[in-house]
């Protein structure tokens, strides 16, 4: 849970800093960005599941 809070805080600080400097926010559009993160996470889980079930 600590990692989630720290990641959220870091993202918040970056968002405030970029907005204060009048720079575009360094993130993809909301839905596609979230789905990209979910895809990476599910890919990692799937790889681990394949390794555990077929190669151990």
C-alpha atoms as a PDB file:
ATOM      1  CA  UNK A   1       0.000   0.000   0.000  1.00  0.00           C
ATOM      2  CA  UNK A   2       2.929   2.302   0.659  1.00  0.00           C
ATOM      3  CA  UNK A   3       4.014   2.002  -2.998  1.00  0.00           C
ATOM      4  CA  UNK A   4       0.568   3.057  -4.200  1.00  0.00           C
ATOM      5  CA  UNK A   5       0.553   6.136  -1.983  1.00  0.00           C
ATOM      6  CA  UNK A   6       4.085   7.118  -3.005  1.00  0.00           C
ATOM      7  CA  UNK A   7       3.328   6.616  -6.719  1.00  0.00           C
ATOM      8  CA  UNK A   8       0.163   8.704  -6.429  1.00  0.00           C
ATOM      9  CA  UNK A   9       2.034  11.437  -4.580  1.00  0.00           C
ATOM     10  CA  UNK A  10       4.849  11.449  -7.155  1.00  0.00           C
ATOM     11  CA  UNK A  11       2.323  11.669  -9.996  1.00  0.00           C
ATOM     12  CA  UNK A  12       0.535  14.520  -8.238  1.00  0.00           C
ATOM     13  CA  UNK A  13       3.774  16.467  -7.760  1.00  0.00           C
ATOM     14  CA  UNK A  14       4.743  15.966 -11.411  1.00  0.00           C
ATOM     15  CA  UNK A  15       1.288  17.105 -12.530  1.00  0.00           C
ATOM     16  CA  UNK A  16       1.462  20.254 -10.428  1.00  0.00           C
ATOM     17  CA  UNK A  17       5.025  21.003 -11.585  1.00  0.00           C
ATOM     18  CA  UNK A  18       4.222  20.574 -15.275  1.00  0.00           C
ATOM     19  CA  UNK A  19       1.075  22.683 -14.948  1.00  0.00           C
ATOM     20  CA  UNK A  20       2.989  25.428 -13.123  1.00  0.00           C
ATOM     21  CA  UNK A  21       5.605  25.468 -15.909  1.00  0.00           C
ATOM     22  CA  UNK A  22       2.810  25.533 -18.528  1.00  0.00           C
ATOM     23  CA  UNK A  23       4.031  22.268 -20.085  1.00  0.00           C
ATOM     24  CA  UNK A  24       1.775  19.531 -21.442  1.00  0.00           C
ATOM     25  CA  UNK A  25       1.069  16.788 -18.929  1.00  0.00           C
ATOM     26  CA  UNK A  26       3.421  13.844 -19.663  1.00  0.00           C
ATOM     27  CA  UNK A  27       0.717  11.205 -19.822  1.00  0.00           C
ATOM     28  CA  UNK A  28      -1.350   9.576 -22.550  1.00  0.00           C
ATOM     29  CA  UNK A  29      -5.093  10.149 -22.733  1.00  0.00           C
ATOM     30  CA  UNK A  30      -6.744   8.764 -19.622  1.00  0.00           C
ATOM     31  CA  UNK A  31      -8.441   5.582 -20.860  1.00  0.00           C
ATOM     32  CA  UNK A  32      -5.712   4.468 -23.257  1.00  0.00           C
ATOM     33  CA  UNK A  33      -3.046   5.160 -20.625  1.00  0.00           C
ATOM     34  CA  UNK A  34      -4.860   3.103 -18.004  1.00  0.00           C
ATOM     35  CA  UNK A  35      -5.477   0.272 -20.466  1.00  0.00           C
ATOM     36  CA  UNK A  36      -1.796   0.282 -21.437  1.00  0.00           C
ATOM     37  CA  UNK A  37      -0.785  -0.099 -17.800  1.00  0.00           C
ATOM     38  CA  UNK A  38      -3.364  -2.861 -17.298  1.00  0.00           C
ATOM     39  CA  UNK A  39      -2.049  -4.624 -20.410  1.00  0.00           C
ATOM     40  CA  UNK A  40       1.543  -4.531 -19.178  1.00  0.00           C
ATOM     41  CA  UNK A  41       0.481  -5.850 -15.781  1.00  0.00           C
ATOM     42  CA  UNK A  42      -1.636  -8.660 -17.259  1.00  0.00           C
ATOM     43  CA  UNK A  43       1.185  -9.581 -19.622  1.00  0.00           C
ATOM     44  CA  UNK A  44       3.551  -9.940 -16.676  1.00  0.00           C
ATOM     45  CA  UNK A  45       1.042 -12.083 -14.791  1.00  0.00           C
ATOM     46  CA  UNK A  46       0.435 -14.254 -17.848  1.00  0.00           C
ATOM     47  CA  UNK A  47       4.167 -14.805 -18.360  1.00  0.00           C
ATOM     48  CA  UNK A  48       4.599 -15.853 -14.740  1.00  0.00           C
ATOM     49  CA  UNK A  49       1.580 -18.182 -14.972  1.00  0.00           C
ATOM     50  CA  UNK A  50       3.010 -19.840 -18.118  1.00  0.00           C
ATOM     51  CA  UNK A  51       6.403 -20.308 -16.486  1.00  0.00           C
ATOM     52  CA  UNK A  52       4.884 -21.716 -13.287  1.00  0.00           C
ATOM     53  CA  UNK A  53       2.484 -24.110 -15.013  1.00  0.00           C
ATOM     54  CA  UNK A  54       4.496 -25.374 -17.981  1.00  0.00           C
ATOM     55  CA  UNK A  55       8.172 -25.069 -17.080  1.00  0.00           C
ATOM     56  CA  UNK A  56       8.404 -26.061 -13.434  1.00  0.00           C
END
